[in-house]
C-alpha atoms as a PDB file:
ATOM      1  CA  UNK A   1     160.939  89.233  39.619  1.00  0.00           C
ATOM      2  CA  UNK A   2     162.579  92.473  39.261  1.00  0.00           C
ATOM      3  CA  UNK A   3     165.798  90.761  38.783  1.00  0.00           C
ATOM      4  CA  UNK A   4     164.533  88.546  35.974  1.00  0.00           C
ATOM      5  CA  UNK A   5     163.207  91.679  34.117  1.00  0.00           C
ATOM      6  CA  UNK A   6     166.510  93.420  34.634  1.00  0.00           C
ATOM      7  CA  UNK A   7     168.371  90.341  33.365  1.00  0.00           C
ATOM      8  CA  UNK A   8     166.258  90.067  30.301  1.00  0.00           C
ATOM      9  CA  UNK A   9     166.629  93.594  29.381  1.00  0.00           C
ATOM     10  CA  UNK A  10     170.438  93.509  29.695  1.00  0.00           C
ATOM     11  CA  UNK A  11     170.654  90.421  27.701  1.00  0.00           C
ATOM     12  CA  UNK A  12     168.484  92.091  24.990  1.00  0.00           C
ATOM     13  CA  UNK A  13     170.377  95.277  25.219  1.00  0.00           C
ATOM     14  CA  UNK A  14     173.977  93.520  24.597  1.00  0.00           C
ATOM     15  CA  UNK A  15     172.656  91.287  21.849  1.00  0.00           C
ATOM     16  CA  UNK A  16     171.003  94.037  20.119  1.00  0.00           C
ATOM     17  CA  UNK A  17     174.191  96.418  19.984  1.00  0.00           C
ATOM     18  CA  UNK A  18     176.663  93.541  19.398  1.00  0.00           C
ATOM     19  CA  UNK A  19     174.572  92.609  16.393  1.00  0.00           C
ATOM     20  CA  UNK A  20     174.215  96.114  15.113  1.00  0.00           C
ATOM     21  CA  UNK A  21     178.005  96.987  15.570  1.00  0.00           C
ATOM     22  CA  UNK A  22     179.094  93.687  13.945  1.00  0.00           C
ATOM     23  CA  UNK A  23     176.882  94.671  11.015  1.00  0.00           C
ATOM     24  CA  UNK A  24     178.421  98.184  10.890  1.00  0.00           C
ATOM     25  CA  UNK A  25     181.946  96.538  10.524  1.00  0.00           C
ATOM     26  CA  UNK A  26     180.548  94.408   7.756  1.00  0.00           C
ATOM     27  CA  UNK A  27     179.031  97.622   6.097  1.00  0.00           C
ATOM     28  CA  UNK A  28     182.181  99.537   6.504  1.00  0.00           C
ATOM     29  CA  UNK A  29     184.246  96.896   4.797  1.00  0.00           C
ATOM     30  CA  UNK A  30     181.567  96.723   1.894  1.00  0.00           C
ATOM     31  CA  UNK A  31     180.985 100.507   1.827  1.00  0.00           C
ATOM     32  CA  UNK A  32     177.519  99.922   1.446  1.00  0.00           C
ATOM     33  CA  UNK A  33     174.220 100.295   3.474  1.00  0.00           C
ATOM     34  CA  UNK A  34     172.218  97.490   1.929  1.00  0.00           C
ATOM     35  CA  UNK A  35     172.013  95.674   5.185  1.00  0.00           C
ATOM     36  CA  UNK A  36     171.136  98.515   7.461  1.00  0.00           C
ATOM     37  CA  UNK A  37     167.305  98.373   7.302  1.00  0.00           C
ATOM     38  CA  UNK A  38     167.258  94.713   7.379  1.00  0.00           C
ATOM     39  CA  UNK A  39     169.411  94.600  10.477  1.00  0.00           C
ATOM     40  CA  UNK A  40     166.966  96.762  12.364  1.00  0.00           C
ATOM     41  CA  UNK A  41     164.088  94.739  11.547  1.00  0.00           C
ATOM     42  CA  UNK A  42     165.779  91.457  11.989  1.00  0.00           C
ATOM     43  CA  UNK A  43     166.863  92.583  15.395  1.00  0.00           C
ATOM     44  CA  UNK A  44     163.172  93.522  16.262  1.00  0.00           C
ATOM     45  CA  UNK A  45     161.997  90.173  15.500  1.00  0.00           C
ATOM     46  CA  UNK A  46     164.755  88.308  16.989  1.00  0.00           C
ATOM     47  CA  UNK A  47     164.879  89.834  20.267  1.00  0.00           C
ATOM     48  CA  UNK A  48     161.040  89.471  20.589  1.00  0.00           C
ATOM     49  CA  UNK A  49     161.230  85.826  19.712  1.00  0.00           C
ATOM     50  CA  UNK A  50     164.104  85.089  22.077  1.00  0.00           C
ATOM     51  CA  UNK A  51     162.745  87.167  25.033  1.00  0.00           C
ATOM     52  CA  UNK A  52     159.466  85.268  24.489  1.00  0.00           C
ATOM     53  CA  UNK A  53     161.178  81.924  24.634  1.00  0.00           C
ATOM     54  CA  UNK A  54     163.318  83.062  27.650  1.00  0.00           C
ATOM     55  CA  UNK A  55     160.336  84.160  29.554  1.00  0.00           C
ATOM     56  CA  UNK A  56     158.777  80.544  29.862  1.00  0.00           C
ATOM     57  CA  UNK A  57     155.473  81.857  30.717  1.00  0.00           C
ATOM     58  CA  UNK A  58     153.376  82.178  27.809  1.00  0.00           C
ATOM     59  CA  UNK A  59     149.635  83.523  27.495  1.00  0.00           C
ATOM     60  CA  UNK A  60     147.602  84.436  24.455  1.00  0.00           C
ATOM     61  CA  UNK A  61     148.682  88.042  25.004  1.00  0.00           C
ATOM     62  CA  UNK A  62     152.248  87.324  25.001  1.00  0.00           C
ATOM     63  CA  UNK A  63     151.823  85.077  21.905  1.00  0.00           C
ATOM     64  CA  UNK A  64     149.773  87.433  20.167  1.00  0.00           C
ATOM     65  CA  UNK A  65     152.354  90.193  20.779  1.00  0.00           C
ATOM     66  CA  UNK A  66     155.371  88.108  19.689  1.00  0.00           C
ATOM     67  CA  UNK A  67     153.826  87.034  16.371  1.00  0.00           C
ATOM     68  CA  UNK A  68     152.615  90.702  15.504  1.00  0.00           C
ATOM     69  CA  UNK A  69     156.203  91.893  16.173  1.00  0.00           C
ATOM     70  CA  UNK A  70     157.559  89.217  14.158  1.00  0.00           C
ATOM     71  CA  UNK A  71     155.340  89.531  11.221  1.00  0.00           C
ATOM     72  CA  UNK A  72     155.948  93.109  11.031  1.00  0.00           C
ATOM     73  CA  UNK A  73     159.637  92.796  11.230  1.00  0.00           C
ATOM     74  CA  UNK A  74     159.853  90.149   8.643  1.00  0.00           C
ATOM     75  CA  UNK A  75     157.698  92.180   6.053  1.00  0.00           C
ATOM     76  CA  UNK A  76     159.415  95.551   6.841  1.00  0.00           C
ATOM     77  CA  UNK A  77     162.910  94.090   6.748  1.00  0.00           C
ATOM     78  CA  UNK A  78     162.354  92.311   3.376  1.00  0.00           C
ATOM     79  CA  UNK A  79     160.712  95.060   1.922  1.00  0.00           C
ATOM     80  CA  UNK A  80     163.542  97.587   2.494  1.00  0.00           C
ATOM     81  CA  UNK A  81     166.219  95.168   1.656  1.00  0.00           C
ATOM     82  CA  UNK A  82     164.792  94.402  -1.822  1.00  0.00           C
ATOM     83  CA  UNK A  83     164.152  98.127  -2.237  1.00  0.00           C
ATOM     84  CA  UNK A  84     167.743  99.015  -1.442  1.00  0.00           C
ATOM     85  CA  UNK A  85     169.160  96.410  -3.817  1.00  0.00           C
ATOM     86  CA  UNK A  86     166.908  97.653  -6.528  1.00  0.00           C
ATOM     87  CA  UNK A  87     167.781 101.343  -5.989  1.00  0.00           C
ATOM     88  CA  UNK A  88     171.377 100.455  -5.751  1.00  0.00           C
ATOM     89  CA  UNK A  89     171.678 102.715  -2.767  1.00  0.00           C
ATOM     90  CA  UNK A  90     169.844 104.792  -0.167  1.00  0.00           C
ATOM     91  CA  UNK A  91     170.323 108.554  -0.919  1.00  0.00           C
ATOM     92  CA  UNK A  92     169.619 109.241   2.709  1.00  0.00           C
ATOM     93  CA  UNK A  93     173.033 107.801   3.386  1.00  0.00           C
ATOM     94  CA  UNK A  94     174.909 110.040   0.815  1.00  0.00           C
ATOM     95  CA  UNK A  95     177.784 111.742   2.805  1.00  0.00           C
ATOM     96  CA  UNK A  96     177.268 109.155   5.750  1.00  0.00           C
ATOM     97  CA  UNK A  97     178.375 105.700   4.335  1.00  0.00           C
ATOM     98  CA  UNK A  98     182.060 107.047   3.502  1.00  0.00           C
ATOM     99  CA  UNK A  99     182.346 108.565   7.132  1.00  0.00           C
ATOM    100  CA  UNK A 100     183.076 105.911   9.768  1.00  0.00           C
ATOM    101  CA  UNK A 101     182.198 108.071  12.641  1.00  0.00           C
ATOM    102  CA  UNK A 102     178.762 109.242  11.136  1.00  0.00           C
ATOM    103  CA  UNK A 103     178.066 105.727   9.918  1.00  0.00           C
ATOM    104  CA  UNK A 104     178.620 104.265  13.393  1.00  0.00           C
ATOM    105  CA  UNK A 105     176.448 106.931  14.932  1.00  0.00           C
ATOM    106  CA  UNK A 106     173.678 105.869  12.570  1.00  0.00           C
ATOM    107  CA  UNK A 107     173.947 102.118  13.231  1.00  0.00           C
ATOM    108  CA  UNK A 108     174.054 103.007  17.106  1.00  0.00           C
ATOM    109  CA  UNK A 109     170.913 105.283  16.857  1.00  0.00           C
ATOM    110  CA  UNK A 110     169.017 102.547  15.250  1.00  0.00           C
ATOM    111  CA  UNK A 111     170.266  99.964  17.961  1.00  0.00           C
ATOM    112  CA  UNK A 112     168.819 102.443  20.400  1.00  0.00           C
ATOM    113  CA  UNK A 113     165.652 102.513  18.313  1.00  0.00           C
ATOM    114  CA  UNK A 114     165.251  98.866  18.277  1.00  0.00           C
ATOM    115  CA  UNK A 115     165.773  98.577  22.043  1.00  0.00           C
ATOM    116  CA  UNK A 116     163.250 101.557  22.862  1.00  0.00           C
ATOM    117  CA  UNK A 117     160.614 100.257  20.597  1.00  0.00           C
ATOM    118  CA  UNK A 118     160.542  96.809  22.009  1.00  0.00           C
ATOM    119  CA  UNK A 119     160.634  97.925  25.576  1.00  0.00           C
ATOM    120  CA  UNK A 120     156.862  97.543  26.056  1.00  0.00           C
ATOM    121  CA  UNK A 121     156.922  93.912  24.703  1.00  0.00           C
ATOM    122  CA  UNK A 122     159.995  93.124  26.793  1.00  0.00           C
ATOM    123  CA  UNK A 123     158.084  94.529  29.897  1.00  0.00           C
ATOM    124  CA  UNK A 124     155.107  92.448  28.956  1.00  0.00           C
ATOM    125  CA  UNK A 125     157.007  89.274  28.917  1.00  0.00           C
ATOM    126  CA  UNK A 126     158.209  89.750  32.534  1.00  0.00           C
ATOM    127  CA  UNK A 127     154.637  89.638  33.864  1.00  0.00           C
ATOM    128  CA  UNK A 128     153.895  86.363  35.262  1.00  0.00           C
ATOM    129  CA  UNK A 129     150.306  87.176  36.783  1.00  0.00           C
ATOM    130  CA  UNK A 130     147.322  86.128  34.649  1.00  0.00           C
ATOM    131  CA  UNK A 131     145.394  89.141  33.362  1.00  0.00           C
ATOM    132  CA  UNK A 132     142.336  88.446  31.295  1.00  0.00           C
ATOM    133  CA  UNK A 133     142.152  89.840  27.685  1.00  0.00           C
ATOM    134  CA  UNK A 134     140.399  93.190  27.896  1.00  0.00           C
ATOM    135  CA  UNK A 135     139.332  95.982  25.734  1.00  0.00           C
ATOM    136  CA  UNK A 136     142.683  97.271  25.479  1.00  0.00           C
ATOM    137  CA  UNK A 137     143.972  94.062  23.880  1.00  0.00           C
ATOM    138  CA  UNK A 138     141.210  94.221  21.399  1.00  0.00           C
ATOM    139  CA  UNK A 139     141.761  97.864  20.649  1.00  0.00           C
ATOM    140  CA  UNK A 140     145.470  97.510  20.484  1.00  0.00           C
ATOM    141  CA  UNK A 141     145.409  94.536  18.197  1.00  0.00           C
ATOM    142  CA  UNK A 142     142.645  96.157  15.926  1.00  0.00           C
ATOM    143  CA  UNK A 143     145.121  99.294  15.892  1.00  0.00           C
ATOM    144  CA  UNK A 144     148.138  97.105  14.949  1.00  0.00           C
ATOM    145  CA  UNK A 145     146.036  95.439  12.141  1.00  0.00           C
ATOM    146  CA  UNK A 146     144.829  98.767  10.621  1.00  0.00           C
ATOM    147  CA  UNK A 147     148.408 100.206  10.935  1.00  0.00           C
ATOM    148  CA  UNK A 148     149.930  97.211   9.431  1.00  0.00           C
ATOM    149  CA  UNK A 149     147.453  97.225   6.563  1.00  0.00           C
ATOM    150  CA  UNK A 150     148.038 100.951   5.926  1.00  0.00           C
ATOM    151  CA  UNK A 151     151.892 100.698   5.929  1.00  0.00           C
ATOM    152  CA  UNK A 152     151.786  97.435   3.559  1.00  0.00           C
ATOM    153  CA  UNK A 153     149.453  98.962   1.132  1.00  0.00           C
ATOM    154  CA  UNK A 154     151.312 102.146   1.066  1.00  0.00           C
ATOM    155  CA  UNK A 155     154.607 100.452   0.431  1.00  0.00           C
ATOM    156  CA  UNK A 156     153.126  98.304  -2.304  1.00  0.00           C
ATOM    157  CA  UNK A 157     151.552 101.380  -4.056  1.00  0.00           C
ATOM    158  CA  UNK A 158     154.863 103.230  -3.873  1.00  0.00           C
ATOM    159  CA  UNK A 159     156.889 100.195  -5.136  1.00  0.00           C
ATOM    160  CA  UNK A 160     154.499  99.664  -7.939  1.00  0.00           C
ATOM    161  CA  UNK A 161     154.586 103.239  -8.964  1.00  0.00           C
ATOM    162  CA  UNK A 162     158.397 103.230  -9.085  1.00  0.00           C
ATOM    163  CA  UNK A 163     158.313 100.052 -11.407  1.00  0.00           C
ATOM    164  CA  UNK A 164     156.658 102.055 -14.024  1.00  0.00           C
ATOM    165  CA  UNK A 165     159.116 103.279 -16.435  1.00  0.00           C
ATOM    166  CA  UNK A 166     157.534 106.658 -17.053  1.00  0.00           C
ATOM    167  CA  UNK A 167     157.167 107.400 -13.262  1.00  0.00           C
ATOM    168  CA  UNK A 168     160.862 107.851 -12.544  1.00  0.00           C
ATOM    169  CA  UNK A 169     161.339 109.137  -8.938  1.00  0.00           C
ATOM    170  CA  UNK A 170     163.486 112.314 -10.126  1.00  0.00           C
ATOM    171  CA  UNK A 171     160.543 113.299 -12.536  1.00  0.00           C
ATOM    172  CA  UNK A 172     157.137 112.470 -11.045  1.00  0.00           C
ATOM    173  CA  UNK A 173     155.748 111.875  -7.454  1.00  0.00           C
ATOM    174  CA  UNK A 174     153.202 109.617  -6.424  1.00  0.00           C
ATOM    175  CA  UNK A 175     149.751 110.988  -5.397  1.00  0.00           C
ATOM    176  CA  UNK A 176     147.306 108.193  -6.037  1.00  0.00           C
ATOM    177  CA  UNK A 177     145.733 105.608  -3.571  1.00  0.00           C
ATOM    178  CA  UNK A 178     146.713 106.234   0.035  1.00  0.00           C
ATOM    179  CA  UNK A 179     149.222 108.797  -1.170  1.00  0.00           C
ATOM    180  CA  UNK A 180     146.449 110.915  -2.189  1.00  0.00           C
ATOM    181  CA  UNK A 181     145.118 111.300   1.281  1.00  0.00           C
ATOM    182  CA  UNK A 182     148.452 111.344   3.146  1.00  0.00           C
ATOM    183  CA  UNK A 183     151.978 112.423   1.875  1.00  0.00           C
ATOM    184  CA  UNK A 184     153.548 109.566   4.128  1.00  0.00           C
ATOM    185  CA  UNK A 185     150.742 106.908   4.779  1.00  0.00           C
ATOM    186  CA  UNK A 186     153.549 104.302   5.342  1.00  0.00           C
ATOM    187  CA  UNK A 187     154.775 106.127   8.386  1.00  0.00           C
ATOM    188  CA  UNK A 188     151.127 106.812   9.432  1.00  0.00           C
ATOM    189  CA  UNK A 189     150.551 103.016   9.505  1.00  0.00           C
ATOM    190  CA  UNK A 190     154.082 102.308  11.296  1.00  0.00           C
ATOM    191  CA  UNK A 191     153.209 104.945  14.073  1.00  0.00           C
ATOM    192  CA  UNK A 192     149.763 103.456  14.617  1.00  0.00           C
ATOM    193  CA  UNK A 193     150.746  99.785  14.946  1.00  0.00           C
ATOM    194  CA  UNK A 194     153.401 100.529  17.357  1.00  0.00           C
ATOM    195  CA  UNK A 195     150.955 102.280  19.674  1.00  0.00           C
ATOM    196  CA  UNK A 196     148.667  99.333  19.212  1.00  0.00           C
ATOM    197  CA  UNK A 197     151.200  97.087  20.440  1.00  0.00           C
ATOM    198  CA  UNK A 198     151.958  99.381  23.609  1.00  0.00           C
ATOM    199  CA  UNK A 199     148.050  99.606  24.137  1.00  0.00           C
ATOM    200  CA  UNK A 200     147.813  95.699  24.312  1.00  0.00           C
ATOM    201  CA  UNK A 201     150.986  95.501  26.510  1.00  0.00           C
ATOM    202  CA  UNK A 202     149.625  98.143  28.865  1.00  0.00           C
ATOM    203  CA  UNK A 203     146.885  95.680  30.086  1.00  0.00           C
ATOM    204  CA  UNK A 204     149.556  93.989  32.274  1.00  0.00           C
ATOM    205  CA  UNK A 205     151.997  96.884  33.017  1.00  0.00           C
ATOM    206  CA  UNK A 206     151.720  98.544  36.257  1.00  0.00           C
ATOM    207  CA  UNK A 207     152.940 101.801  38.090  1.00  0.00           C
ATOM    208  CA  UNK A 208     156.261 103.168  36.610  1.00  0.00           C
ATOM    209  CA  UNK A 209     156.122 100.509  33.646  1.00  0.00           C
ATOM    210  CA  UNK A 210     153.108 102.440  32.031  1.00  0.00           C
ATOM    211  CA  UNK A 211     155.784 104.993  31.246  1.00  0.00           C
ATOM    212  CA  UNK A 212     156.630 102.687  28.278  1.00  0.00           C
ATOM    213  CA  UNK A 213     154.114 104.853  26.561  1.00  0.00           C
ATOM    214  CA  UNK A 214     157.317 107.146  26.099  1.00  0.00           C
ATOM    215  CA  UNK A 215     158.526 104.515  23.443  1.00  0.00           C
ATOM    216  CA  UNK A 216     155.949 104.880  20.758  1.00  0.00           C
ATOM    217  CA  UNK A 217     155.932 108.712  21.467  1.00  0.00           C
ATOM    218  CA  UNK A 218     159.686 108.409  20.782  1.00  0.00           C
ATOM    219  CA  UNK A 219     159.019 106.803  17.622  1.00  0.00           C
ATOM    220  CA  UNK A 220     156.398 109.232  16.580  1.00  0.00           C
ATOM    221  CA  UNK A 221     158.798 112.269  17.319  1.00  0.00           C
ATOM    222  CA  UNK A 222     161.649 110.571  15.590  1.00  0.00           C
ATOM    223  CA  UNK A 223     159.828 110.042  12.352  1.00  0.00           C
ATOM    224  CA  UNK A 224     158.014 113.404  12.229  1.00  0.00           C
ATOM    225  CA  UNK A 225     160.844 115.491  13.658  1.00  0.00           C
ATOM    226  CA  UNK A 226     164.179 113.848  12.629  1.00  0.00           C
ATOM    227  CA  UNK A 227     164.883 110.864  10.500  1.00  0.00           C
ATOM    228  CA  UNK A 228     161.765 110.246   8.528  1.00  0.00           C
ATOM    229  CA  UNK A 229     159.410 113.063   7.262  1.00  0.00           C
ATOM    230  CA  UNK A 230     161.557 116.030   7.375  1.00  0.00           C
ATOM    231  CA  UNK A 231     164.477 114.319   5.220  1.00  0.00           C
ATOM    232  CA  UNK A 232     161.910 113.112   2.603  1.00  0.00           C
ATOM    233  CA  UNK A 233     160.113 116.477   2.449  1.00  0.00           C
ATOM    234  CA  UNK A 234     163.459 118.312   2.113  1.00  0.00           C
ATOM    235  CA  UNK A 235     164.204 115.955  -0.710  1.00  0.00           C
ATOM    236  CA  UNK A 236     160.792 116.424  -2.325  1.00  0.00           C
ATOM    237  CA  UNK A 237     161.000 119.999  -2.414  1.00  0.00           C
ATOM    238  CA  UNK A 238     164.392 120.092  -4.251  1.00  0.00           C
ATOM    239  CA  UNK A 239     162.978 117.583  -6.743  1.00  0.00           C
ATOM    240  CA  UNK A 240     159.455 119.122  -7.374  1.00  0.00           C
ATOM    241  CA  UNK A 241     159.368 122.281  -5.418  1.00  0.00           C
ATOM    242  CA  UNK A 242     159.088 124.311  -8.459  1.00  0.00           C
ATOM    243  CA  UNK A 243     156.276 122.259  -9.825  1.00  0.00           C
ATOM    244  CA  UNK A 244     152.783 123.766  -9.429  1.00  0.00           C
ATOM    245  CA  UNK A 245     151.268 120.339  -9.270  1.00  0.00           C
ATOM    246  CA  UNK A 246     153.485 119.305  -6.385  1.00  0.00           C
ATOM    247  CA  UNK A 247     152.699 122.767  -4.571  1.00  0.00           C
ATOM    248  CA  UNK A 248     149.050 121.875  -5.053  1.00  0.00           C
ATOM    249  CA  UNK A 249     149.531 118.391  -3.701  1.00  0.00           C
ATOM    250  CA  UNK A 250     151.250 119.639  -0.637  1.00  0.00           C
ATOM    251  CA  UNK A 251     148.519 122.263   0.178  1.00  0.00           C
ATOM    252  CA  UNK A 252     145.714 119.682  -0.154  1.00  0.00           C
ATOM    253  CA  UNK A 253     147.134 116.648   1.385  1.00  0.00           C
ATOM    254  CA  UNK A 254     148.221 116.194   5.001  1.00  0.00           C
ATOM    255  CA  UNK A 255     151.637 115.321   5.912  1.00  0.00           C
ATOM    256  CA  UNK A 256     150.985 112.456   8.039  1.00  0.00           C
ATOM    257  CA  UNK A 257     147.363 111.456   9.333  1.00  0.00           C
ATOM    258  CA  UNK A 258     144.685 112.094   6.692  1.00  0.00           C
ATOM    259  CA  UNK A 259     142.040 114.693   7.269  1.00  0.00           C
ATOM    260  CA  UNK A 260     138.932 113.010   6.093  1.00  0.00           C
ATOM    261  CA  UNK A 261     136.780 116.039   7.047  1.00  0.00           C
ATOM    262  CA  UNK A 262     138.664 118.390   4.723  1.00  0.00           C
ATOM    263  CA  UNK A 263     138.360 115.633   1.973  1.00  0.00           C
ATOM    264  CA  UNK A 264     134.828 115.413   2.592  1.00  0.00           C
ATOM    265  CA  UNK A 265     134.224 119.153   2.316  1.00  0.00           C
ATOM    266  CA  UNK A 266     136.218 119.158  -0.981  1.00  0.00           C
ATOM    267  CA  UNK A 267     133.933 116.602  -2.513  1.00  0.00           C
ATOM    268  CA  UNK A 268     130.752 118.390  -1.688  1.00  0.00           C
END
């Protein structure tokens, strides 16, 4: 059993980085990052599906986990790919796309992120003992659905906002819908859904495998401390930091998780 686990992990690791580094070469040749996010999302779905097939032992928990990962990967990848095509470029890559070393580092970091985020799912597939569906599965699946809905709705609201001519990104910022209760509701949803996937997988994980909880924790820290929120907050301050309406917005709206208690107090 242990040998099977390590074999699957090694195959996924090699396939993942081979795919990412191949797309890095393509992107260097094209001098564009349009395939970056789609590559990460596609890798997540592909590795989840292949490891599910390689396992050869399928339970309801395994099947639901696979479908949830693949549905998220398909929606997320298509959304970011289309967004990049419409925008022409991703500003976060300014100063990076023309530097092969920095660009390689970013592609490798995404490959590492893909593998880490899938680790609870890959470990789940290695389990062959039947464990009945329990409260952790229901809670995890419910958390995934809640997080997926938040992320999807937030992305839709942001895309609709950007499509309105007078709401040009450099002139105005979104503060309606879910964006009125969180400055980054899409990230909030994404964090929740990955924690949900871990929670369901933990129904079968044992001993040291439960340390896979560090994977969604890593994702949370990556978003909140490094690649996601800090970069966007910095860009927003450069655009709108002098506008009083934006200063009021950041004072009254949480960065990530909505504070419904403060909202209720303000409305009373």
